[in-house]
PDB file of all heavy atoms in Angstrom:
ATOM      1  N   PRO A   1      41.318  99.151  52.506  1.00  0.00           N
ATOM      2  CA  PRO A   1      40.597  99.094  53.711  1.00  0.00           C
ATOM      3  C   PRO A   1      40.501 100.476  54.322  1.00  0.00           C
ATOM      4  O   PRO A   1      41.400 101.398  54.142  1.00  0.00           O
ATOM      5  CB  PRO A   1      41.379  98.228  54.660  1.00  0.00           C
ATOM      6  CG  PRO A   1      42.858  98.371  54.146  1.00  0.00           C
ATOM      7  CD  PRO A   1      42.799  98.564  52.650  1.00  0.00           C
ATOM      8  N   LYS A   2      39.328 100.755  54.984  1.00  0.00           N
ATOM      9  CA  LYS A   2      39.137 102.086  55.600  1.00  0.00           C
ATOM     10  C   LYS A   2      40.434 102.425  56.594  1.00  0.00           C
ATOM     11  O   LYS A   2      40.846 103.524  56.591  1.00  0.00           O
ATOM     12  CB  LYS A   2      37.897 102.123  56.402  1.00  0.00           C
ATOM     13  CG  LYS A   2      36.710 102.173  55.536  1.00  0.00           C
ATOM     14  CD  LYS A   2      35.386 102.315  56.299  1.00  0.00           C
ATOM     15  CE  LYS A   2      34.174 102.428  55.387  1.00  0.00           C
ATOM     16  NZ  LYS A   2      32.868 102.524  56.087  1.00  0.00           N
ATOM     17  N   THR A   3      40.779 101.431  57.288  1.00  0.00           N
ATOM     18  CA  THR A   3      41.970 101.569  58.163  1.00  0.00           C
ATOM     19  C   THR A   3      42.898 100.426  57.970  1.00  0.00           C
ATOM     20  O   THR A   3      42.522  99.320  57.653  1.00  0.00           O
ATOM     21  CB  THR A   3      41.517 101.628  59.690  1.00  0.00           C
ATOM     22  OG1 THR A   3      40.828 100.453  59.984  1.00  0.00           O
ATOM     23  CG2 THR A   3      40.629 102.773  59.990  1.00  0.00           C
ATOM     24  N   ALA A   4      44.187 100.702  58.022  1.00  0.00           N
ATOM     25  CA  ALA A   4      45.180  99.757  57.864  1.00  0.00           C
ATOM     26  C   ALA A   4      45.415  98.673  58.887  1.00  0.00           C
ATOM     27  O   ALA A   4      45.841  97.578  58.649  1.00  0.00           O
ATOM     28  CB  ALA A   4      46.590 100.383  57.549  1.00  0.00           C
ATOM     29  N   ALA A   5      44.932  99.073  60.086  1.00  0.00           N
ATOM     30  CA  ALA A   5      45.108  98.119  61.226  1.00  0.00           C
ATOM     31  C   ALA A   5      46.587  97.715  61.389  1.00  0.00           C
ATOM     32  O   ALA A   5      46.853  96.579  61.645  1.00  0.00           O
ATOM     33  CB  ALA A   5      44.216  96.967  61.196  1.00  0.00           C
ATOM     34  N   ALA A   6      47.508  98.678  61.162  1.00  0.00           N
ATOM     35  CA  ALA A   6      48.928  98.355  61.220  1.00  0.00           C
ATOM     36  C   ALA A   6      49.679  99.550  61.748  1.00  0.00           C
ATOM     37  O   ALA A   6      49.241 100.659  61.652  1.00  0.00           O
ATOM     38  CB  ALA A   6      49.390  98.030  59.785  1.00  0.00           C
ATOM     39  N   ARG A   7      50.801  99.260  62.320  1.00  0.00           N
ATOM     40  CA  ARG A   7      51.702 100.362  62.869  1.00  0.00           C
ATOM     41  C   ARG A   7      52.419 101.032  61.702  1.00  0.00           C
ATOM     42  O   ARG A   7      52.709 102.147  61.673  1.00  0.00           O
ATOM     43  CB  ARG A   7      52.577  99.880  63.981  1.00  0.00           C
ATOM     44  CG  ARG A   7      51.943  99.441  65.260  1.00  0.00           C
ATOM     45  CD  ARG A   7      52.954  98.895  66.208  1.00  0.00           C
ATOM     46  NE  ARG A   7      54.014  99.833  66.553  1.00  0.00           N
ATOM     47  CZ  ARG A   7      55.065  99.541  67.267  1.00  0.00           C
ATOM     48  NH1 ARG A   7      55.095  98.220  67.745  1.00  0.00           N
ATOM     49  NH2 ARG A   7      55.956 100.478  67.610  1.00  0.00           N
ATOM     50  N   ILE A   8      52.879 100.209  60.666  1.00  0.00           N
ATOM     51  CA  ILE A   8      53.679 100.643  59.602  1.00  0.00           C
ATOM     52  C   ILE A   8      52.984 100.135  58.321  1.00  0.00           C
ATOM     53  O   ILE A   8      52.562  99.011  58.211  1.00  0.00           O
ATOM     54  CB  ILE A   8      55.078 100.087  59.603  1.00  0.00           C
ATOM     55  CG1 ILE A   8      55.670 100.636  60.961  1.00  0.00           C
ATOM     56  CG2 ILE A   8      55.846 100.495  58.355  1.00  0.00           C
ATOM     57  CD1 ILE A   8      57.151 100.137  61.186  1.00  0.00           C
ATOM     58  N   ILE A   9      52.887 100.996  57.253  1.00  0.00           N
ATOM     59  CA  ILE A   9      52.477 100.594  55.983  1.00  0.00           C
ATOM     60  C   ILE A   9      53.682 100.708  55.074  1.00  0.00           C
ATOM     61  O   ILE A   9      54.334 101.752  55.012  1.00  0.00           O
ATOM     62  CB  ILE A   9      51.368 101.487  55.433  1.00  0.00           C
ATOM     63  CG1 ILE A   9      50.101 101.408  56.475  1.00  0.00           C
ATOM     64  CG2 ILE A   9      50.877 101.004  54.062  1.00  0.00           C
ATOM     65  CD1 ILE A   9      49.056 102.451  55.971  1.00  0.00           C
ATOM     66  N   SER A  10      54.053  99.542  54.440  1.00  0.00           N
ATOM     67  CA  SER A  10      55.220  99.481  53.582  1.00  0.00           C
ATOM     68  C   SER A  10      54.738  99.478  52.171  1.00  0.00           C
ATOM     69  O   SER A  10      53.797  98.673  51.769  1.00  0.00           O
ATOM     70  CB  SER A  10      55.897  98.130  53.942  1.00  0.00           C
ATOM     71  OG  SER A  10      56.808  97.799  52.979  1.00  0.00           O
ATOM     72  N   CYS A  11      55.233 100.239  51.243  1.00  0.00           N
ATOM     73  CA  CYS A  11      54.770 100.309  49.927  1.00  0.00           C
ATOM     74  C   CYS A  11      55.895 100.059  48.895  1.00  0.00           C
ATOM     75  O   CYS A  11      56.939 100.627  49.029  1.00  0.00           O
ATOM     76  CB  CYS A  11      54.094 101.730  49.609  1.00  0.00           C
ATOM     77  SG  CYS A  11      52.507 101.918  50.433  1.00  0.00           S
ATOM     78  N   ASP A  12      55.651  99.310  47.889  1.00  0.00           N
ATOM     79  CA  ASP A  12      56.427  99.129  46.713  1.00  0.00           C
ATOM     80  C   ASP A  12      56.410 100.594  46.075  1.00  0.00           C
ATOM     81  O   ASP A  12      55.589 101.432  46.248  1.00  0.00           O
ATOM     82  CB  ASP A  12      55.933  98.166  45.823  1.00  0.00           C
ATOM     83  CG  ASP A  12      56.770  98.018  44.527  1.00  0.00           C
ATOM     84  OD1 ASP A  12      58.006  98.043  44.536  1.00  0.00           O
ATOM     85  OD2 ASP A  12      56.069  97.904  43.520  1.00  0.00           O
ATOM     86  N   VAL A  13      57.430 100.879  45.206  1.00  0.00           N
ATOM     87  CA  VAL A  13      57.479 102.144  44.482  1.00  0.00           C
ATOM     88  C   VAL A  13      57.028 102.052  43.184  1.00  0.00           C
ATOM     89  O   VAL A  13      55.925 102.653  42.829  1.00  0.00           O
ATOM     90  CB  VAL A  13      58.921 102.656  44.582  1.00  0.00           C
ATOM     91  CG1 VAL A  13      58.987 104.063  43.749  1.00  0.00           C
ATOM     92  CG2 VAL A  13      59.408 102.944  45.952  1.00  0.00           C
ATOM     93  N   PHE A  14      57.640 101.335  42.227  1.00  0.00           N
ATOM     94  CA  PHE A  14      57.292 101.334  40.915  1.00  0.00           C
ATOM     95  C   PHE A  14      56.030 100.545  40.545  1.00  0.00           C
ATOM     96  O   PHE A  14      55.865  99.399  41.016  1.00  0.00           O
ATOM     97  CB  PHE A  14      58.451 100.883  39.926  1.00  0.00           C
ATOM     98  CG  PHE A  14      59.642 101.726  40.081  1.00  0.00           C
ATOM     99  CD1 PHE A  14      60.767 101.424  40.867  1.00  0.00           C
ATOM    100  CD2 PHE A  14      59.655 103.053  39.499  1.00  0.00           C
ATOM    101  CE1 PHE A  14      61.808 102.193  40.930  1.00  0.00           C
ATOM    102  CE2 PHE A  14      60.714 103.914  39.708  1.00  0.00           C
ATOM    103  CZ  PHE A  14      61.783 103.429  40.339  1.00  0.00           C
ATOM    104  N   ASP A  15      55.057 101.187  39.914  1.00  0.00           N
ATOM    105  CA  ASP A  15      53.689 100.544  39.613  1.00  0.00           C
ATOM    106  C   ASP A  15      52.918 100.311  40.878  1.00  0.00           C
ATOM    107  O   ASP A  15      51.927  99.602  40.991  1.00  0.00           O
ATOM    108  CB  ASP A  15      53.840  99.201  38.889  1.00  0.00           C
ATOM    109  CG  ASP A  15      53.994  99.471  37.387  1.00  0.00           C
ATOM    110  OD1 ASP A  15      53.642 100.468  36.882  1.00  0.00           O
ATOM    111  OD2 ASP A  15      54.644  98.519  36.720  1.00  0.00           O
ATOM    112  N   THR A  16      53.253 100.969  41.895  1.00  0.00           N
ATOM    113  CA  THR A  16      52.442 101.133  43.206  1.00  0.00           C
ATOM    114  C   THR A  16      52.300 102.565  43.672  1.00  0.00           C
ATOM    115  O   THR A  16      51.273 103.128  43.454  1.00  0.00           O
ATOM    116  CB  THR A  16      53.081 100.211  44.313  1.00  0.00           C
ATOM    117  OG1 THR A  16      53.213  98.936  43.854  1.00  0.00           O
ATOM    118  CG2 THR A  16      52.182 100.216  45.575  1.00  0.00           C
ATOM    119  N   LEU A  17      53.344 103.129  44.237  1.00  0.00           N
ATOM    120  CA  LEU A  17      53.336 104.553  44.545  1.00  0.00           C
ATOM    121  C   LEU A  17      53.407 105.435  43.333  1.00  0.00           C
ATOM    122  O   LEU A  17      52.828 106.429  43.162  1.00  0.00           O
ATOM    123  CB  LEU A  17      54.475 104.854  45.516  1.00  0.00           C
ATOM    124  CG  LEU A  17      54.279 104.423  46.966  1.00  0.00           C
ATOM    125  CD1 LEU A  17      55.670 104.681  47.753  1.00  0.00           C
ATOM    126  CD2 LEU A  17      53.141 105.068  47.620  1.00  0.00           C
ATOM    127  N   LEU A  18      54.286 104.957  42.367  1.00  0.00           N
ATOM    128  CA  LEU A  18      54.633 105.678  41.126  1.00  0.00           C
ATOM    129  C   LEU A  18      54.270 104.723  40.040  1.00  0.00           C
ATOM    130  O   LEU A  18      54.779 103.637  39.936  1.00  0.00           O
ATOM    131  CB  LEU A  18      55.893 106.194  41.020  1.00  0.00           C
ATOM    132  CG  LEU A  18      56.391 107.155  42.018  1.00  0.00           C
ATOM    133  CD1 LEU A  18      57.860 107.554  41.872  1.00  0.00           C
ATOM    134  CD2 LEU A  18      55.553 108.465  41.984  1.00  0.00           C
ATOM    135  N   TYR A  19      53.304 105.174  39.098  1.00  0.00           N
ATOM    136  CA  TYR A  19      52.933 104.263  38.048  1.00  0.00           C
ATOM    137  C   TYR A  19      53.918 104.476  36.841  1.00  0.00           C
ATOM    138  O   TYR A  19      54.174 105.679  36.417  1.00  0.00           O
ATOM    139  CB  TYR A  19      51.587 104.653  37.567  1.00  0.00           C
ATOM    140  CG  TYR A  19      50.401 104.015  38.411  1.00  0.00           C
ATOM    141  CD1 TYR A  19      49.297 104.811  38.569  1.00  0.00           C
ATOM    142  CD2 TYR A  19      50.456 102.776  38.894  1.00  0.00           C
ATOM    143  CE1 TYR A  19      48.279 104.327  39.319  1.00  0.00           C
ATOM    144  CE2 TYR A  19      49.313 102.308  39.625  1.00  0.00           C
ATOM    145  CZ  TYR A  19      48.287 103.040  39.860  1.00  0.00           C
ATOM    146  OH  TYR A  19      47.317 102.561  40.564  1.00  0.00           O
ATOM    147  N   ARG A  20      54.328 103.389  36.149  1.00  0.00           N
ATOM    148  CA  ARG A  20      54.948 103.469  34.854  1.00  0.00           C
ATOM    149  C   ARG A  20      53.922 103.565  33.771  1.00  0.00           C
ATOM    150  O   ARG A  20      52.768 102.966  34.046  1.00  0.00           O
ATOM    151  CB  ARG A  20      55.885 102.351  34.688  1.00  0.00           C
ATOM    152  CG  ARG A  20      57.068 102.302  35.585  1.00  0.00           C
ATOM    153  CD  ARG A  20      58.168 101.389  35.026  1.00  0.00           C
ATOM    154  NE  ARG A  20      59.336 101.271  35.909  1.00  0.00           N
ATOM    155  CZ  ARG A  20      60.322 102.134  36.100  1.00  0.00           C
ATOM    156  NH1 ARG A  20      60.312 103.204  35.377  1.00  0.00           N
ATOM    157  NH2 ARG A  20      61.262 101.822  36.870  1.00  0.00           N
ATOM    158  N   ASP A  21      54.175 104.042  32.690  1.00  0.00           N
ATOM    159  CA  ASP A  21      53.066 104.073  31.646  1.00  0.00           C
ATOM    160  C   ASP A  21      53.257 102.837  30.823  1.00  0.00           C
ATOM    161  O   ASP A  21      53.772 101.876  31.244  1.00  0.00           O
ATOM    162  CB  ASP A  21      53.182 105.362  30.769  1.00  0.00           C
ATOM    163  CG  ASP A  21      54.579 105.504  30.103  1.00  0.00           C
ATOM    164  OD1 ASP A  21      55.347 104.507  29.926  1.00  0.00           O
ATOM    165  OD2 ASP A  21      54.980 106.543  29.623  1.00  0.00           O
ATOM    166  N   HIS A  22      52.770 102.919  29.612  1.00  0.00           N
ATOM    167  CA  HIS A  22      52.615 101.621  28.814  1.00  0.00           C
ATOM    168  C   HIS A  22      53.971 101.256  28.148  1.00  0.00           C
ATOM    169  O   HIS A  22      54.057 100.232  27.686  1.00  0.00           O
ATOM    170  CB  HIS A  22      51.649 101.875  27.622  1.00  0.00           C
ATOM    171  CG  HIS A  22      52.216 102.962  26.692  1.00  0.00           C
ATOM    172  ND1 HIS A  22      52.007 104.236  26.856  1.00  0.00           N
ATOM    173  CD2 HIS A  22      52.764 102.734  25.407  1.00  0.00           C
ATOM    174  CE1 HIS A  22      52.583 104.844  25.769  1.00  0.00           C
ATOM    175  NE2 HIS A  22      53.008 103.992  24.966  1.00  0.00           N
ATOM    176  N   ARG A  23      55.005 102.056  28.283  1.00  0.00           N
ATOM    177  CA  ARG A  23      56.303 101.882  27.638  1.00  0.00           C
ATOM    178  C   ARG A  23      56.959 100.608  28.274  1.00  0.00           C
ATOM    179  O   ARG A  23      56.868 100.460  29.561  1.00  0.00           O
ATOM    180  CB  ARG A  23      57.224 102.990  27.713  1.00  0.00           C
ATOM    181  CG  ARG A  23      56.772 104.223  26.817  1.00  0.00           C
ATOM    182  CD  ARG A  23      57.715 105.324  27.118  1.00  0.00           C
ATOM    183  NE  ARG A  23      57.313 106.606  26.270  1.00  0.00           N
ATOM    184  CZ  ARG A  23      56.404 107.497  26.790  1.00  0.00           C
ATOM    185  NH1 ARG A  23      55.914 107.265  27.907  1.00  0.00           N
ATOM    186  NH2 ARG A  23      56.072 108.490  25.954  1.00  0.00           N
ATOM    187  N   SER A  24      57.542  99.820  27.482  1.00  0.00           N
ATOM    188  CA  SER A  24      58.427  98.673  28.077  1.00  0.00           C
ATOM    189  C   SER A  24      59.760  99.155  28.559  1.00  0.00           C
ATOM    190  O   SER A  24      60.077 100.213  28.265  1.00  0.00           O
ATOM    191  CB  SER A  24      58.555  97.589  26.893  1.00  0.00           C
ATOM    192  OG  SER A  24      59.385  98.171  25.930  1.00  0.00           O
ATOM    193  N   GLU A  25      60.378  98.232  29.259  1.00  0.00           N
ATOM    194  CA  GLU A  25      61.769  98.650  29.792  1.00  0.00           C
ATOM    195  C   GLU A  25      62.608  98.909  28.598  1.00  0.00           C
ATOM    196  O   GLU A  25      63.387  99.875  28.696  1.00  0.00           O
ATOM    197  CB  GLU A  25      62.328  97.380  30.643  1.00  0.00           C
ATOM    198  CG  GLU A  25      63.643  97.679  31.173  1.00  0.00           C
ATOM    199  CD  GLU A  25      64.252  96.523  31.986  1.00  0.00           C
ATOM    200  OE1 GLU A  25      64.481  95.472  31.321  1.00  0.00           O
ATOM    201  OE2 GLU A  25      64.282  96.675  33.232  1.00  0.00           O
ATOM    202  N   ARG A  26      62.572  98.120  27.545  1.00  0.00           N
ATOM    203  CA  ARG A  26      63.368  98.372  26.426  1.00  0.00           C
ATOM    204  C   ARG A  26      63.155  99.716  25.756  1.00  0.00           C
ATOM    205  O   ARG A  26      64.081 100.380  25.311  1.00  0.00           O
ATOM    206  CB  ARG A  26      63.265  97.300  25.391  1.00  0.00           C
ATOM    207  CG  ARG A  26      64.054  95.939  25.793  1.00  0.00           C
ATOM    208  CD  ARG A  26      63.864  94.864  24.592  1.00  0.00           C
ATOM    209  NE  ARG A  26      64.698  93.679  24.955  1.00  0.00           N
ATOM    210  CZ  ARG A  26      65.868  93.459  24.478  1.00  0.00           C
ATOM    211  NH1 ARG A  26      66.435  94.397  23.672  1.00  0.00           N
ATOM    212  NH2 ARG A  26      66.525  92.384  24.790  1.00  0.00           N
ATOM    213  N   GLN A  27      61.904 100.101  25.627  1.00  0.00           N
ATOM    214  CA  GLN A  27      61.639 101.405  25.166  1.00  0.00           C
ATOM    215  C   GLN A  27      62.064 102.458  26.072  1.00  0.00           C
ATOM    216  O   GLN A  27      62.530 103.458  25.547  1.00  0.00           O
ATOM    217  CB  GLN A  27      60.082 101.546  24.899  1.00  0.00           C
ATOM    218  CG  GLN A  27      59.683 102.833  24.231  1.00  0.00           C
ATOM    219  CD  GLN A  27      60.425 103.023  22.818  1.00  0.00           C
ATOM    220  OE1 GLN A  27      60.338 102.182  22.031  1.00  0.00           O
ATOM    221  NE2 GLN A  27      61.014 104.132  22.598  1.00  0.00           N
ATOM    222  N   ARG A  28      62.009 102.342  27.286  1.00  0.00           N
ATOM    223  CA  ARG A  28      62.521 103.213  28.279  1.00  0.00           C
ATOM    224  C   ARG A  28      64.045 103.431  28.047  1.00  0.00           C
ATOM    225  O   ARG A  28      64.556 104.496  28.106  1.00  0.00           O
ATOM    226  CB  ARG A  28      62.215 102.898  29.728  1.00  0.00           C
ATOM    227  CG  ARG A  28      62.536 103.903  30.669  1.00  0.00           C
ATOM    228  CD  ARG A  28      61.817 103.706  32.077  1.00  0.00           C
ATOM    229  NE  ARG A  28      62.434 102.573  32.794  1.00  0.00           N
ATOM    230  CZ  ARG A  28      61.848 101.403  32.834  1.00  0.00           C
ATOM    231  NH1 ARG A  28      60.664 101.163  32.349  1.00  0.00           N
ATOM    232  NH2 ARG A  28      62.503 100.324  33.472  1.00  0.00           N
ATOM    233  N   PHE A  29      64.731 102.310  27.954  1.00  0.00           N
ATOM    234  CA  PHE A  29      66.187 102.339  27.716  1.00  0.00           C
ATOM    235  C   PHE A  29      66.450 103.073  26.458  1.00  0.00           C
ATOM    236  O   PHE A  29      67.519 103.761  26.347  1.00  0.00           O
ATOM    237  CB  PHE A  29      66.766 100.950  27.736  1.00  0.00           C
ATOM    238  CG  PHE A  29      66.756 100.252  29.013  1.00  0.00           C
ATOM    239  CD1 PHE A  29      67.138  98.942  29.182  1.00  0.00           C
ATOM    240  CD2 PHE A  29      66.456 100.902  30.183  1.00  0.00           C
ATOM    241  CE1 PHE A  29      67.090  98.226  30.445  1.00  0.00           C
ATOM    242  CE2 PHE A  29      66.528 100.291  31.405  1.00  0.00           C
ATOM    243  CZ  PHE A  29      66.721  98.972  31.515  1.00  0.00           C
ATOM    244  N   ASN A  30      65.658 102.896  25.346  1.00  0.00           N
ATOM    245  CA  ASN A  30      65.813 103.561  24.102  1.00  0.00           C
ATOM    246  C   ASN A  30      65.707 105.032  24.314  1.00  0.00           C
ATOM    247  O   ASN A  30      66.517 105.782  23.886  1.00  0.00           O
ATOM    248  CB  ASN A  30      64.889 103.016  23.138  1.00  0.00           C
ATOM    249  CG  ASN A  30      65.101 103.654  21.729  1.00  0.00           C
ATOM    250  OD1 ASN A  30      65.995 103.434  20.991  1.00  0.00           O
ATOM    251  ND2 ASN A  30      64.080 104.559  21.462  1.00  0.00           N
ATOM    252  N   ASP A  31      64.748 105.448  25.031  1.00  0.00           N
ATOM    253  CA  ASP A  31      64.393 106.791  25.227  1.00  0.00           C
ATOM    254  C   ASP A  31      65.577 107.520  25.963  1.00  0.00           C
ATOM    255  O   ASP A  31      66.055 108.559  25.779  1.00  0.00           O
ATOM    256  CB  ASP A  31      63.121 107.010  26.003  1.00  0.00           C
ATOM    257  CG  ASP A  31      61.913 106.624  25.171  1.00  0.00           C
ATOM    258  OD1 ASP A  31      62.016 106.551  23.921  1.00  0.00           O
ATOM    259  OD2 ASP A  31      60.814 106.371  25.836  1.00  0.00           O
ATOM    260  N   ILE A  32      66.098 106.721  27.062  1.00  0.00           N
ATOM    261  CA  ILE A  32      67.274 107.238  27.795  1.00  0.00           C
ATOM    262  C   ILE A  32      68.471 107.337  26.864  1.00  0.00           C
ATOM    263  O   ILE A  32      69.219 108.366  26.982  1.00  0.00           O
ATOM    264  CB  ILE A  32      67.521 106.304  29.004  1.00  0.00           C
ATOM    265  CG1 ILE A  32      66.375 106.215  29.981  1.00  0.00           C
ATOM    266  CG2 ILE A  32      68.838 106.622  29.719  1.00  0.00           C
ATOM    267  CD1 ILE A  32      66.479 105.171  31.005  1.00  0.00           C
TER     268      ILE A  32
END
């Protein structure tokens, strides 16, 4: 929306503010 019409905007982090790529959780654990 052009304006949020809200006092506070709450955002999720993963796959919202910060995108994960195509890797699955298991592949990420493997890379770690």
